[in-house]
Amino acid sequence: MRPLTLKSLMASMALVFCFSSVAMADVQAEGNITALAGKLHAQDAATIAESLVSMVDIDRTAKFVLGRHVREISPKDLSDFTGRFERFLTGFVESRADEIADGEIRIVTSYDRSDHDCVVTTRVSSTTREPTTMRWRLIKAGGDWHIVDVEMHGVWLAIEQRAQIDSLLRKRGDISDIYADQTS
């Protein structure tokens, strides 16, 4: 075994520094989650849903949820689907707002997946539920960070919706049926 030299120690420290810096997410992305946490505190369910959904890149997320099917539909069908998806997402968040209302959302850790894609992990402590972990995936577009997915209780919402919609569209093939009860 070779003795540890100053040169090899410096090289090892440089490697550790490089890899640890990759694991830290963009400060602005974390700031967006911190700002969102401030907006959500002590608000009613409808306001919580509106605040959270306003930070979501709805167009990008709707296209992701549609997956390969996005290439098979007309621009009008995509627009209609996106509206229904936004209403679904708002209702979904509103129905689960008690999990984050009157609670504290604290950033635990974060990491960059790339220079425009990161995940921020938070701990949500609420008076109505046991503390839970929520992860927020953010994409940087146009210089701003936008939420594109949220994971709670081990399930990523957009990924789960994508799988369900793919199954529905393969069985029935009619996009107008997806979130049909979300029309206004």
C-alpha atoms as a PDB file:
ATOM      1  CA  MET A   1       0.000   0.000   0.000  1.00  0.00           C
ATOM      2  CA  ARG A   2       1.360   3.391  -1.002  1.00  0.00           C
ATOM      3  CA  PRO A   3       1.682   6.133   1.593  1.00  0.00           C
ATOM      4  CA  LEU A   4      -0.762   9.021   1.360  1.00  0.00           C
ATOM      5  CA  THR A   5       1.033  12.016  -0.102  1.00  0.00           C
ATOM      6  CA  LEU A   6      -0.036  15.630  -0.087  1.00  0.00           C
ATOM      7  CA  LYS A   7      -0.619  15.398  -3.843  1.00  0.00           C
ATOM      8  CA  SER A   8      -2.896  12.351  -3.558  1.00  0.00           C
ATOM      9  CA  LEU A   9      -4.715  13.892  -0.594  1.00  0.00           C
ATOM     10  CA  MET A  10      -5.358  17.098  -2.577  1.00  0.00           C
ATOM     11  CA  ALA A  11      -6.571  15.070  -5.572  1.00  0.00           C
ATOM     12  CA  SER A  12      -8.944  13.102  -3.327  1.00  0.00           C
ATOM     13  CA  MET A  13     -10.280  16.283  -1.734  1.00  0.00           C
ATOM     14  CA  ALA A  14     -10.812  17.826  -5.171  1.00  0.00           C
ATOM     15  CA  LEU A  15     -12.834  14.774  -6.248  1.00  0.00           C
ATOM     16  CA  VAL A  16     -14.965  14.926  -3.097  1.00  0.00           C
ATOM     17  CA  PHE A  17     -15.560  18.641  -3.649  1.00  0.00           C
ATOM     18  CA  CYS A  18     -16.541  18.098  -7.288  1.00  0.00           C
ATOM     19  CA  PHE A  19     -19.015  15.360  -6.483  1.00  0.00           C
ATOM     20  CA  SER A  20     -20.485  17.124  -3.473  1.00  0.00           C
ATOM     21  CA  SER A  21     -21.041  20.312  -5.456  1.00  0.00           C
ATOM     22  CA  VAL A  22     -22.998  18.365  -8.076  1.00  0.00           C
ATOM     23  CA  ALA A  23     -25.387  17.186  -5.344  1.00  0.00           C
ATOM     24  CA  MET A  24     -26.406  20.709  -4.343  1.00  0.00           C
ATOM     25  CA  ALA A  25     -29.386  22.079  -6.203  1.00  0.00           C
ATOM     26  CA  ASP A  26     -29.738  25.568  -7.551  1.00  0.00           C
ATOM     27  CA  VAL A  27     -30.373  28.103  -4.793  1.00  0.00           C
ATOM     28  CA  GLN A  28     -33.185  29.666  -6.842  1.00  0.00           C
ATOM     29  CA  ALA A  29     -34.957  26.282  -7.120  1.00  0.00           C
ATOM     30  CA  GLU A  30     -34.788  25.843  -3.346  1.00  0.00           C
ATOM     31  CA  GLY A  31     -35.924  29.445  -2.964  1.00  0.00           C
ATOM     32  CA  ASN A  32     -39.030  28.707  -5.025  1.00  0.00           C
ATOM     33  CA  ILE A  33     -39.966  25.851  -2.688  1.00  0.00           C
ATOM     34  CA  THR A  34     -39.278  28.028   0.355  1.00  0.00           C
ATOM     35  CA  ALA A  35     -41.485  30.783  -1.107  1.00  0.00           C
ATOM     36  CA  LEU A  36     -44.201  28.232  -1.849  1.00  0.00           C
ATOM     37  CA  ALA A  37     -44.018  26.946   1.739  1.00  0.00           C
ATOM     38  CA  GLY A  38     -44.573  30.490   2.958  1.00  0.00           C
ATOM     39  CA  LYS A  39     -47.626  30.900   0.718  1.00  0.00           C
ATOM     40  CA  LEU A  40     -49.156  27.607   1.853  1.00  0.00           C
ATOM     41  CA  HIS A  41     -48.943  28.217   5.573  1.00  0.00           C
ATOM     42  CA  ALA A  42     -52.295  28.709   7.298  1.00  0.00           C
ATOM     43  CA  GLN A  43     -54.368  29.122   4.151  1.00  0.00           C
ATOM     44  CA  ASP A  44     -57.589  27.422   3.134  1.00  0.00           C
ATOM     45  CA  ALA A  45     -57.566  24.438   0.785  1.00  0.00           C
ATOM     46  CA  ALA A  46     -58.570  26.405  -2.333  1.00  0.00           C
ATOM     47  CA  THR A  47     -55.835  29.005  -1.784  1.00  0.00           C
ATOM     48  CA  ILE A  48     -53.235  26.296  -1.128  1.00  0.00           C
ATOM     49  CA  ALA A  49     -54.200  24.563  -4.380  1.00  0.00           C
ATOM     50  CA  GLU A  50     -54.119  27.821  -6.330  1.00  0.00           C
ATOM     51  CA  SER A  51     -50.713  28.780  -4.879  1.00  0.00           C
ATOM     52  CA  LEU A  52     -49.145  25.412  -5.627  1.00  0.00           C
ATOM     53  CA  VAL A  53     -50.611  25.000  -9.110  1.00  0.00           C
ATOM     54  CA  SER A  54     -49.510  28.539 -10.041  1.00  0.00           C
ATOM     55  CA  MET A  55     -45.898  27.362  -9.665  1.00  0.00           C
ATOM     56  CA  VAL A  56     -46.394  24.305 -11.905  1.00  0.00           C
ATOM     57  CA  ASP A  57     -45.395  24.397 -15.559  1.00  0.00           C
ATOM     58  CA  ILE A  58     -48.802  23.094 -16.636  1.00  0.00           C
ATOM     59  CA  ASP A  59     -48.056  22.916 -20.377  1.00  0.00           C
ATOM     60  CA  ARG A  60     -44.836  20.943 -19.909  1.00  0.00           C
ATOM     61  CA  THR A  61     -46.356  18.662 -17.277  1.00  0.00           C
ATOM     62  CA  ALA A  62     -49.480  17.971 -19.356  1.00  0.00           C
ATOM     63  CA  LYS A  63     -47.294  16.995 -22.328  1.00  0.00           C
ATOM     64  CA  PHE A  64     -45.206  14.750 -20.064  1.00  0.00           C
ATOM     65  CA  VAL A  65     -48.358  13.129 -18.678  1.00  0.00           C
ATOM     66  CA  LEU A  66     -49.555  12.408 -22.222  1.00  0.00           C
ATOM     67  CA  GLY A  67     -46.221  10.819 -23.094  1.00  0.00           C
ATOM     68  CA  ARG A  68     -46.030   9.381 -26.579  1.00  0.00           C
ATOM     69  CA  HIS A  69     -49.700  10.188 -27.140  1.00  0.00           C
ATOM     70  CA  VAL A  70     -48.946  13.910 -27.365  1.00  0.00           C
ATOM     71  CA  ARG A  71     -47.755  13.333 -30.959  1.00  0.00           C
ATOM     72  CA  GLU A  72     -51.066  11.716 -31.896  1.00  0.00           C
ATOM     73  CA  ILE A  73     -53.465  14.507 -30.924  1.00  0.00           C
ATOM     74  CA  SER A  74     -54.457  17.819 -32.459  1.00  0.00           C
ATOM     75  CA  PRO A  75     -53.380  21.162 -30.964  1.00  0.00           C
ATOM     76  CA  LYS A  76     -57.004  21.767 -29.915  1.00  0.00           C
ATOM     77  CA  ASP A  77     -57.199  18.407 -28.134  1.00  0.00           C
ATOM     78  CA  LEU A  78     -53.892  19.183 -26.409  1.00  0.00           C
ATOM     79  CA  SER A  79     -55.182  22.582 -25.303  1.00  0.00           C
ATOM     80  CA  ASP A  80     -58.445  21.078 -24.031  1.00  0.00           C
ATOM     81  CA  PHE A  81     -56.557  18.293 -22.222  1.00  0.00           C
ATOM     82  CA  THR A  82     -54.177  20.815 -20.637  1.00  0.00           C
ATOM     83  CA  GLY A  83     -57.119  22.785 -19.229  1.00  0.00           C
ATOM     84  CA  ARG A  84     -58.744  19.638 -17.858  1.00  0.00           C
ATOM     85  CA  PHE A  85     -55.396  18.501 -16.416  1.00  0.00           C
ATOM     86  CA  GLU A  86     -54.916  21.848 -14.647  1.00  0.00           C
ATOM     87  CA  ARG A  87     -58.395  21.591 -13.121  1.00  0.00           C
ATOM     88  CA  PHE A  88     -57.686  17.977 -12.091  1.00  0.00           C
ATOM     89  CA  LEU A  89     -54.402  19.005 -10.472  1.00  0.00           C
ATOM     90  CA  THR A  90     -56.046  21.905  -8.627  1.00  0.00           C
ATOM     91  CA  GLY A  91     -58.790  19.622  -7.317  1.00  0.00           C
ATOM     92  CA  PHE A  92     -56.276  16.936  -6.363  1.00  0.00           C
ATOM     93  CA  VAL A  93     -54.164  19.389  -4.356  1.00  0.00           C
ATOM     94  CA  GLU A  94     -57.246  20.956  -2.792  1.00  0.00           C
ATOM     95  CA  SER A  95     -58.524  17.541  -1.645  1.00  0.00           C
ATOM     96  CA  ARG A  96     -55.194  16.856   0.072  1.00  0.00           C
ATOM     97  CA  ALA A  97     -54.475  20.354   1.329  1.00  0.00           C
ATOM     98  CA  ASP A  98     -54.950  19.258   4.939  1.00  0.00           C
ATOM     99  CA  GLU A  99     -51.649  17.394   4.611  1.00  0.00           C
ATOM    100  CA  ILE A 100     -49.763  20.672   4.253  1.00  0.00           C
ATOM    101  CA  ALA A 101     -52.091  23.292   5.752  1.00  0.00           C
ATOM    102  CA  ASP A 102     -50.998  24.728   9.096  1.00  0.00           C
ATOM    103  CA  GLY A 103     -47.822  22.745   8.719  1.00  0.00           C
ATOM    104  CA  GLU A 104     -44.184  23.459   8.201  1.00  0.00           C
ATOM    105  CA  ILE A 105     -42.371  22.612   4.997  1.00  0.00           C
ATOM    106  CA  ARG A 106     -38.635  22.424   5.607  1.00  0.00           C
ATOM    107  CA  ILE A 107     -35.997  21.738   2.962  1.00  0.00           C
ATOM    108  CA  VAL A 108     -34.003  18.642   3.886  1.00  0.00           C
ATOM    109  CA  THR A 109     -31.784  18.249   0.850  1.00  0.00           C
ATOM    110  CA  SER A 110     -31.668  18.890  -2.855  1.00  0.00           C
ATOM    111  CA  TYR A 111     -29.684  17.805  -5.863  1.00  0.00           C
ATOM    112  CA  ASP A 112     -29.241  18.775  -9.475  1.00  0.00           C
ATOM    113  CA  ARG A 113     -30.083  16.196 -12.092  1.00  0.00           C
ATOM    114  CA  SER A 114     -28.630  18.629 -14.635  1.00  0.00           C
ATOM    115  CA  ASP A 115     -28.163  22.396 -14.903  1.00  0.00           C
ATOM    116  CA  HIS A 116     -31.890  22.785 -15.618  1.00  0.00           C
ATOM    117  CA  ASP A 117     -33.432  19.909 -13.636  1.00  0.00           C
ATOM    118  CA  CYS A 118     -33.366  19.399  -9.872  1.00  0.00           C
ATOM    119  CA  VAL A 119     -35.164  17.662  -7.025  1.00  0.00           C
ATOM    120  CA  VAL A 120     -35.784  19.372  -3.689  1.00  0.00           C
ATOM    121  CA  THR A 121     -36.644  17.104  -0.752  1.00  0.00           C
ATOM    122  CA  THR A 122     -38.745  18.579   2.034  1.00  0.00           C
ATOM    123  CA  ARG A 123     -40.098  17.389   5.350  1.00  0.00           C
ATOM    124  CA  VAL A 124     -43.714  18.344   5.955  1.00  0.00           C
ATOM    125  CA  SER A 125     -44.759  18.538   9.587  1.00  0.00           C
ATOM    126  CA  SER A 126     -48.452  19.103  10.204  1.00  0.00           C
ATOM    127  CA  THR A 127     -50.712  19.171  13.229  1.00  0.00           C
ATOM    128  CA  THR A 128     -53.127  16.779  11.479  1.00  0.00           C
ATOM    129  CA  ARG A 129     -50.711  14.088  10.224  1.00  0.00           C
ATOM    130  CA  GLU A 130     -47.437  12.383  10.920  1.00  0.00           C
ATOM    131  CA  PRO A 131     -44.427  14.160   9.380  1.00  0.00           C
ATOM    132  CA  THR A 132     -43.882  13.086   5.800  1.00  0.00           C
ATOM    133  CA  THR A 133     -41.359  13.577   3.032  1.00  0.00           C
ATOM    134  CA  MET A 134     -42.302  15.426  -0.145  1.00  0.00           C
ATOM    135  CA  ARG A 135     -40.029  15.747  -3.155  1.00  0.00           C
ATOM    136  CA  TRP A 136     -40.444  18.496  -5.732  1.00  0.00           C
ATOM    137  CA  ARG A 137     -38.995  18.153  -9.216  1.00  0.00           C
ATOM    138  CA  LEU A 138     -38.256  21.485 -10.847  1.00  0.00           C
ATOM    139  CA  ILE A 139     -37.236  22.331 -14.400  1.00  0.00           C
ATOM    140  CA  LYS A 140     -35.572  25.603 -15.357  1.00  0.00           C
ATOM    141  CA  ALA A 141     -37.193  27.154 -18.421  1.00  0.00           C
ATOM    142  CA  GLY A 142     -36.891  30.736 -19.563  1.00  0.00           C
ATOM    143  CA  GLY A 143     -34.589  31.501 -16.646  1.00  0.00           C
ATOM    144  CA  ASP A 144     -37.168  30.479 -14.016  1.00  0.00           C
ATOM    145  CA  TRP A 145     -37.660  27.259 -12.059  1.00  0.00           C
ATOM    146  CA  HIS A 146     -41.073  25.589 -12.349  1.00  0.00           C
ATOM    147  CA  ILE A 147     -42.473  22.553 -10.561  1.00  0.00           C
ATOM    148  CA  VAL A 148     -43.149  19.654 -12.931  1.00  0.00           C
ATOM    149  CA  ASP A 149     -43.806  16.845 -10.461  1.00  0.00           C
ATOM    150  CA  VAL A 150     -44.416  16.242  -6.766  1.00  0.00           C
ATOM    151  CA  GLU A 151     -43.768  13.019  -4.877  1.00  0.00           C
ATOM    152  CA  MET A 152     -45.649  12.218  -1.704  1.00  0.00           C
ATOM    153  CA  HIS A 153     -46.056   8.917   0.061  1.00  0.00           C
ATOM    154  CA  GLY A 154     -43.650   7.379  -2.447  1.00  0.00           C
ATOM    155  CA  VAL A 155     -45.708   8.257  -5.536  1.00  0.00           C
ATOM    156  CA  TRP A 156     -44.714  10.850  -8.148  1.00  0.00           C
ATOM    157  CA  LEU A 157     -47.984  12.442  -9.280  1.00  0.00           C
ATOM    158  CA  ALA A 158     -47.087  13.186 -12.928  1.00  0.00           C
ATOM    159  CA  ILE A 159     -45.411   9.809 -13.411  1.00  0.00           C
ATOM    160  CA  GLU A 160     -48.442   8.019 -11.950  1.00  0.00           C
ATOM    161  CA  GLN A 161     -50.836  10.038 -14.125  1.00  0.00           C
ATOM    162  CA  ARG A 162     -48.724   9.255 -17.192  1.00  0.00           C
ATOM    163  CA  ALA A 163     -48.997   5.513 -16.563  1.00  0.00           C
ATOM    164  CA  GLN A 164     -52.747   5.690 -15.974  1.00  0.00           C
ATOM    165  CA  ILE A 165     -53.408   7.865 -19.021  1.00  0.00           C
ATOM    166  CA  ASP A 166     -51.270   5.654 -21.246  1.00  0.00           C
ATOM    167  CA  SER A 167     -53.316   2.655 -20.131  1.00  0.00           C
ATOM    168  CA  LEU A 168     -56.621   4.462 -20.714  1.00  0.00           C
ATOM    169  CA  LEU A 169     -55.627   5.757 -24.137  1.00  0.00           C
ATOM    170  CA  ARG A 170     -54.386   2.335 -25.242  1.00  0.00           C
ATOM    171  CA  LYS A 171     -57.713   0.786 -24.197  1.00  0.00           C
ATOM    172  CA  ARG A 172     -60.122   3.483 -25.419  1.00  0.00           C
ATOM    173  CA  GLY A 173     -58.072   5.950 -27.401  1.00  0.00           C
ATOM    174  CA  ASP A 174     -60.310   8.962 -26.766  1.00  0.00           C
ATOM    175  CA  ILE A 175     -58.477  11.843 -25.125  1.00  0.00           C
ATOM    176  CA  SER A 176     -61.699  13.736 -24.477  1.00  0.00           C
ATOM    177  CA  ASP A 177     -62.586  11.085 -21.861  1.00  0.00           C
ATOM    178  CA  ILE A 178     -59.484  11.845 -19.779  1.00  0.00           C
ATOM    179  CA  TYR A 179     -60.452  14.120 -16.862  1.00  0.00           C
ATOM    180  CA  ALA A 180     -63.864  14.561 -18.494  1.00  0.00           C
ATOM    181  CA  ASP A 181     -65.377  15.376 -15.098  1.00  0.00           C
ATOM    182  CA  GLN A 182     -62.928  18.322 -14.854  1.00  0.00           C
ATOM    183  CA  THR A 183     -64.707  20.490 -17.421  1.00  0.00           C
ATOM    184  CA  SER A 184     -65.902  23.852 -16.183  1.00  0.00           C
END
